[in-house]
C-alpha atoms as a PDB file:
ATOM      1  CA  MET A   1      54.942  50.215  -0.344  1.00  0.00           C
ATOM      2  CA  ILE A   2      55.918  48.479   2.811  1.00  0.00           C
ATOM      3  CA  ALA A   3      52.413  48.784   4.200  1.00  0.00           C
ATOM      4  CA  ARG A   4      51.048  47.261   1.044  1.00  0.00           C
ATOM      5  CA  ASN A   5      53.476  44.331   1.192  1.00  0.00           C
ATOM      6  CA  GLY A   6      52.815  43.932   4.897  1.00  0.00           C
ATOM      7  CA  LEU A   7      49.069  43.690   4.267  1.00  0.00           C
ATOM      8  CA  ALA A   8      49.527  41.289   1.382  1.00  0.00           C
ATOM      9  CA  GLY A   9      51.919  39.180   3.425  1.00  0.00           C
ATOM     10  CA  GLY A  10      49.514  39.113   6.349  1.00  0.00           C
ATOM     11  CA  THR A  11      46.641  38.010   4.107  1.00  0.00           C
ATOM     12  CA  LEU A  12      48.789  35.296   2.586  1.00  0.00           C
ATOM     13  CA  PHE A  13      49.890  34.138   6.010  1.00  0.00           C
ATOM     14  CA  THR A  14      46.248  33.974   7.222  1.00  0.00           C
ATOM     15  CA  MET A  15      45.198  31.926   4.201  1.00  0.00           C
ATOM     16  CA  VAL A  16      48.057  29.469   4.696  1.00  0.00           C
ATOM     17  CA  LEU A  17      47.232  29.193   8.390  1.00  0.00           C
ATOM     18  CA  LEU A  18      43.542  28.504   7.687  1.00  0.00           C
ATOM     19  CA  ALA A  19      44.370  25.959   5.006  1.00  0.00           C
ATOM     20  CA  GLY A  20      46.558  24.085   7.464  1.00  0.00           C
ATOM     21  CA  CYS A  21      43.739  23.972  10.005  1.00  0.00           C
ATOM     22  CA  ALA A  22      41.326  22.309   7.612  1.00  0.00           C
ATOM     23  CA  SER A  23      41.204  18.631   8.427  1.00  0.00           C
ATOM     24  CA  GLN A  24      41.024  16.026   5.750  1.00  0.00           C
ATOM     25  CA  PRO A  25      38.536  13.120   5.933  1.00  0.00           C
ATOM     26  CA  GLY A  26      40.105  10.234   7.778  1.00  0.00           C
ATOM     27  CA  ALA A  27      42.795  12.382   9.396  1.00  0.00           C
ATOM     28  CA  PRO A  28      43.084  12.229  13.196  1.00  0.00           C
ATOM     29  CA  VAL A  29      41.286  15.092  14.835  1.00  0.00           C
ATOM     30  CA  SER A  30      42.870  14.885  18.269  1.00  0.00           C
ATOM     31  CA  ASP A  31      44.864  12.591  20.478  1.00  0.00           C
ATOM     32  CA  ALA A  32      41.678  11.627  22.383  1.00  0.00           C
ATOM     33  CA  GLY A  33      40.841   8.726  20.112  1.00  0.00           C
ATOM     34  CA  GLU A  34      41.223   7.130  16.713  1.00  0.00           C
ATOM     35  CA  SER A  35      39.632   8.501  13.586  1.00  0.00           C
ATOM     36  CA  ARG A  36      37.017   6.388  11.759  1.00  0.00           C
ATOM     37  CA  GLY A  37      36.248   7.838   8.340  1.00  0.00           C
ATOM     38  CA  GLY A  38      36.523  11.425   9.500  1.00  0.00           C
ATOM     39  CA  VAL A  39      34.591  10.829  12.751  1.00  0.00           C
ATOM     40  CA  LEU A  40      36.378  10.851  16.067  1.00  0.00           C
ATOM     41  CA  ASP A  41      36.053   7.515  17.838  1.00  0.00           C
ATOM     42  CA  THR A  42      35.997   8.215  21.568  1.00  0.00           C
ATOM     43  CA  ARG A  43      34.975   4.739  22.677  1.00  0.00           C
ATOM     44  CA  PRO A  44      37.184   2.911  25.148  1.00  0.00           C
ATOM     45  CA  ALA A  45      39.240   0.145  23.563  1.00  0.00           C
ATOM     46  CA  GLY A  46      37.074  -2.942  22.931  1.00  0.00           C
ATOM     47  CA  ALA A  47      33.737  -1.139  23.425  1.00  0.00           C
ATOM     48  CA  PRO A  48      30.978  -2.016  20.921  1.00  0.00           C
ATOM     49  CA  GLU A  49      30.019   0.469  18.217  1.00  0.00           C
ATOM     50  CA  GLN A  50      27.044   2.696  18.874  1.00  0.00           C
ATOM     51  CA  THR A  51      23.957   1.762  16.918  1.00  0.00           C
ATOM     52  CA  GLU A  52      22.080   4.966  17.590  1.00  0.00           C
ATOM     53  CA  THR A  53      23.160   8.343  16.342  1.00  0.00           C
ATOM     54  CA  PRO A  54      23.248  10.882  19.154  1.00  0.00           C
ATOM     55  CA  ALA A  55      20.826  13.766  18.870  1.00  0.00           C
ATOM     56  CA  GLU A  56      22.287  16.722  17.025  1.00  0.00           C
ATOM     57  CA  ASP A  57      21.221  20.270  16.354  1.00  0.00           C
ATOM     58  CA  ASN A  58      19.753  20.100  12.876  1.00  0.00           C
ATOM     59  CA  SER A  59      18.921  23.787  12.713  1.00  0.00           C
ATOM     60  CA  GLY A  60      15.198  23.142  12.733  1.00  0.00           C
ATOM     61  CA  TRP A  61      15.347  20.180  10.342  1.00  0.00           C
ATOM     62  CA  ARG A  62      14.241  16.831  11.556  1.00  0.00           C
ATOM     63  CA  LEU A  63      14.658  13.411  10.087  1.00  0.00           C
ATOM     64  CA  SER A  64      11.449  11.703   9.169  1.00  0.00           C
ATOM     65  CA  GLN A  65      11.026   7.995   9.326  1.00  0.00           C
ATOM     66  CA  PRO A  66       9.088   6.259   6.571  1.00  0.00           C
ATOM     67  CA  GLU A  67       5.544   5.540   7.624  1.00  0.00           C
ATOM     68  CA  PRO A  68       4.811   1.882   8.221  1.00  0.00           C
ATOM     69  CA  ALA A  69       2.895   0.185   5.448  1.00  0.00           C
ATOM     70  CA  LYS A  70      -0.827   0.302   6.019  1.00  0.00           C
ATOM     71  CA  PRO A  71      -2.476  -3.096   6.131  1.00  0.00           C
ATOM     72  CA  ALA A  72      -4.811  -4.018   3.339  1.00  0.00           C
ATOM     73  CA  PRO A  73      -8.415  -3.198   4.154  1.00  0.00           C
ATOM     74  CA  PRO A  74     -10.191  -6.172   5.677  1.00  0.00           C
ATOM     75  CA  PRO A  75     -12.563  -8.089   3.448  1.00  0.00           C
ATOM     76  CA  GLY A  76     -15.922  -6.404   3.620  1.00  0.00           C
ATOM     77  CA  GLY A  77     -14.470  -2.948   4.262  1.00  0.00           C
ATOM     78  CA  ASN A  78     -15.069  -0.252   1.645  1.00  0.00           C
ATOM     79  CA  SER A  79     -15.405  -2.895  -1.040  1.00  0.00           C
ATOM     80  CA  ASP A  80     -18.787  -3.871   0.432  1.00  0.00           C
ATOM     81  CA  SER A  81     -20.287  -0.539  -0.509  1.00  0.00           C
ATOM     82  CA  ALA A  82     -18.981  -0.855  -4.077  1.00  0.00           C
ATOM     83  CA  VAL A  83     -20.272  -4.419  -4.343  1.00  0.00           C
ATOM     84  CA  ASN A  84     -23.654  -3.424  -2.924  1.00  0.00           C
ATOM     85  CA  ALA A  85     -23.908  -0.498  -5.343  1.00  0.00           C
ATOM     86  CA  LEU A  86     -23.117  -2.736  -8.318  1.00  0.00           C
ATOM     87  CA  LEU A  87     -25.541  -5.410  -7.158  1.00  0.00           C
ATOM     88  CA  GLY A  88     -28.252  -2.801  -6.637  1.00  0.00           C
ATOM     89  CA  GLN A  89     -27.650  -1.623 -10.180  1.00  0.00           C
ATOM     90  CA  ALA A  90     -27.741  -5.229 -11.451  1.00  0.00           C
ATOM     91  CA  GLU A  91     -31.053  -5.815  -9.645  1.00  0.00           C
ATOM     92  CA  ARG A  92     -32.550  -2.705 -11.246  1.00  0.00           C
ATOM     93  CA  TYR A  93     -31.451  -3.871 -14.684  1.00  0.00           C
ATOM     94  CA  TYR A  94     -32.845  -7.332 -13.974  1.00  0.00           C
ATOM     95  CA  GLY A  95     -36.143  -5.828 -12.820  1.00  0.00           C
ATOM     96  CA  ASP A  96     -36.316  -3.800 -16.053  1.00  0.00           C
ATOM     97  CA  GLY A  97     -35.682  -6.937 -18.128  1.00  0.00           C
ATOM     98  CA  ASP A  98     -32.230  -5.712 -19.238  1.00  0.00           C
ATOM     99  CA  TYR A  99     -30.463  -8.994 -18.503  1.00  0.00           C
ATOM    100  CA  GLN A 100     -27.253  -8.195 -20.409  1.00  0.00           C
ATOM    101  CA  HIS A 101     -26.622  -5.097 -18.282  1.00  0.00           C
ATOM    102  CA  ALA A 102     -27.615  -7.029 -15.149  1.00  0.00           C
ATOM    103  CA  ILE A 103     -24.957  -9.613 -16.025  1.00  0.00           C
ATOM    104  CA  ALA A 104     -22.336  -6.928 -16.661  1.00  0.00           C
ATOM    105  CA  SER A 105     -22.965  -5.247 -13.290  1.00  0.00           C
ATOM    106  CA  ALA A 106     -23.003  -8.556 -11.384  1.00  0.00           C
ATOM    107  CA  GLU A 107     -19.730  -9.593 -13.035  1.00  0.00           C
ATOM    108  CA  ARG A 108     -18.133  -6.288 -11.993  1.00  0.00           C
ATOM    109  CA  ALA A 109     -19.294  -6.976  -8.439  1.00  0.00           C
ATOM    110  CA  LEU A 110     -17.687 -10.428  -8.608  1.00  0.00           C
ATOM    111  CA  ARG A 111     -14.370  -8.869  -9.634  1.00  0.00           C
ATOM    112  CA  ILE A 112     -14.414  -7.069  -6.305  1.00  0.00           C
ATOM    113  CA  ASP A 113     -15.864  -9.878  -4.177  1.00  0.00           C
ATOM    114  CA  ARG A 114     -15.517 -13.368  -5.627  1.00  0.00           C
ATOM    115  CA  ARG A 115     -17.611 -14.826  -2.791  1.00  0.00           C
ATOM    116  CA  SER A 116     -20.758 -12.784  -3.297  1.00  0.00           C
ATOM    117  CA  ALA A 117     -23.573 -15.334  -3.409  1.00  0.00           C
ATOM    118  CA  ARG A 118     -25.960 -12.508  -4.312  1.00  0.00           C
ATOM    119  CA  ALA A 119     -23.934 -11.752  -7.459  1.00  0.00           C
ATOM    120  CA  TYR A 120     -23.994 -15.423  -8.427  1.00  0.00           C
ATOM    121  CA  LEU A 121     -27.765 -15.476  -7.928  1.00  0.00           C
ATOM    122  CA  LEU A 122     -28.232 -12.474 -10.224  1.00  0.00           C
ATOM    123  CA  LEU A 123     -26.026 -14.094 -12.840  1.00  0.00           C
ATOM    124  CA  ALA A 124     -27.884 -17.407 -12.583  1.00  0.00           C
ATOM    125  CA  GLN A 125     -31.284 -15.702 -12.874  1.00  0.00           C
ATOM    126  CA  SER A 126     -30.176 -13.470 -15.752  1.00  0.00           C
ATOM    127  CA  TYR A 127     -28.734 -16.352 -17.743  1.00  0.00           C
ATOM    128  CA  TRP A 128     -31.911 -18.361 -17.087  1.00  0.00           C
ATOM    129  CA  ARG A 129     -33.976 -15.481 -18.520  1.00  0.00           C
ATOM    130  CA  LEU A 130     -31.663 -15.348 -21.551  1.00  0.00           C
ATOM    131  CA  ALA A 131     -32.250 -19.106 -22.093  1.00  0.00           C
ATOM    132  CA  VAL A 132     -28.675 -20.143 -21.352  1.00  0.00           C
ATOM    133  CA  PRO A 133     -29.349 -22.962 -18.862  1.00  0.00           C
ATOM    134  CA  ALA A 134     -25.764 -24.269 -18.633  1.00  0.00           C
ATOM    135  CA  GLN A 135     -24.461 -20.879 -17.484  1.00  0.00           C
ATOM    136  CA  SER A 136     -27.425 -20.457 -15.191  1.00  0.00           C
ATOM    137  CA  GLU A 137     -26.750 -23.795 -13.499  1.00  0.00           C
ATOM    138  CA  GLN A 138     -23.029 -23.086 -13.174  1.00  0.00           C
ATOM    139  CA  PHE A 139     -23.607 -19.744 -11.431  1.00  0.00           C
ATOM    140  CA  ALA A 140     -26.340 -21.160  -9.187  1.00  0.00           C
ATOM    141  CA  ARG A 141     -24.029 -23.949  -7.992  1.00  0.00           C
ATOM    142  CA  GLN A 142     -21.212 -21.473  -7.392  1.00  0.00           C
ATOM    143  CA  GLY A 143     -23.591 -19.239  -5.427  1.00  0.00           C
ATOM    144  CA  LEU A 144     -24.580 -22.152  -3.196  1.00  0.00           C
ATOM    145  CA  ARG A 145     -20.934 -22.528  -2.187  1.00  0.00           C
ATOM    146  CA  TYR A 146     -20.965 -19.039  -0.726  1.00  0.00           C
ATOM    147  CA  SER A 147     -24.559 -18.622   0.461  1.00  0.00           C
ATOM    148  CA  GLY A 148     -23.634 -19.873   3.938  1.00  0.00           C
ATOM    149  CA  SER A 149     -26.404 -19.489   6.496  1.00  0.00           C
ATOM    150  CA  ASP A 150     -28.508 -17.085   4.396  1.00  0.00           C
ATOM    151  CA  ALA A 151     -31.614 -19.244   4.005  1.00  0.00           C
ATOM    152  CA  SER A 152     -33.439 -16.942   1.577  1.00  0.00           C
ATOM    153  CA  LEU A 153     -30.419 -16.722  -0.713  1.00  0.00           C
ATOM    154  CA  THR A 154     -29.956 -20.498  -0.582  1.00  0.00           C
ATOM    155  CA  ARG A 155     -33.652 -21.032  -1.457  1.00  0.00           C
ATOM    156  CA  ALA A 156     -33.422 -18.625  -4.408  1.00  0.00           C
ATOM    157  CA  LEU A 157     -30.332 -20.385  -5.764  1.00  0.00           C
ATOM    158  CA  GLU A 158     -31.974 -23.806  -5.331  1.00  0.00           C
ATOM    159  CA  THR A 159     -35.056 -22.488  -7.180  1.00  0.00           C
ATOM    160  CA  VAL A 160     -32.867 -21.560 -10.166  1.00  0.00           C
ATOM    161  CA  LEU A 161     -31.314 -25.038 -10.095  1.00  0.00           C
ATOM    162  CA  ALA A 162     -34.773 -26.614  -9.993  1.00  0.00           C
ATOM    163  CA  GLN A 163     -35.844 -24.569 -13.015  1.00  0.00           C
ATOM    164  CA  VAL A 164     -32.751 -25.654 -14.933  1.00  0.00           C
ATOM    165  CA  ALA A 165     -33.398 -29.330 -14.066  1.00  0.00           C
ATOM    166  CA  ARG A 166     -36.949 -29.277 -15.550  1.00  0.00           C
END
């Protein structure tokens, strides 16, 4: 019986001892410095706070930083291929005499690139063929704003305007 009580007493004593060793958040850990929220502050009096966290053993884990935001693709990047594909489709429709589909494809191209003089030309030509001169003129004038130094595109847009003026 004594051995049993001795073992039970020893276990109880060990548990009480371990419970007393457990530190509580905010409690001083040692006399070496002051406690700041459960972290020992070992800085000399008046020293600034550290802004970097010292490297620690993370047991194979590592902190990952968020990737920086990627810049928007420059104008004329991948959107050029989409615009060119839509304009190629619009030109095929126009060549087949399917002006409504040509208009739809050119308008989709304009949603991607509002400054596509080629899209405005296709719209102006298609509306001219559909006998809607006001729309044709409007798109031809808009196309001239963006035709820049492309002489053949400028000539084609001016031709549509000349047809509308007759």
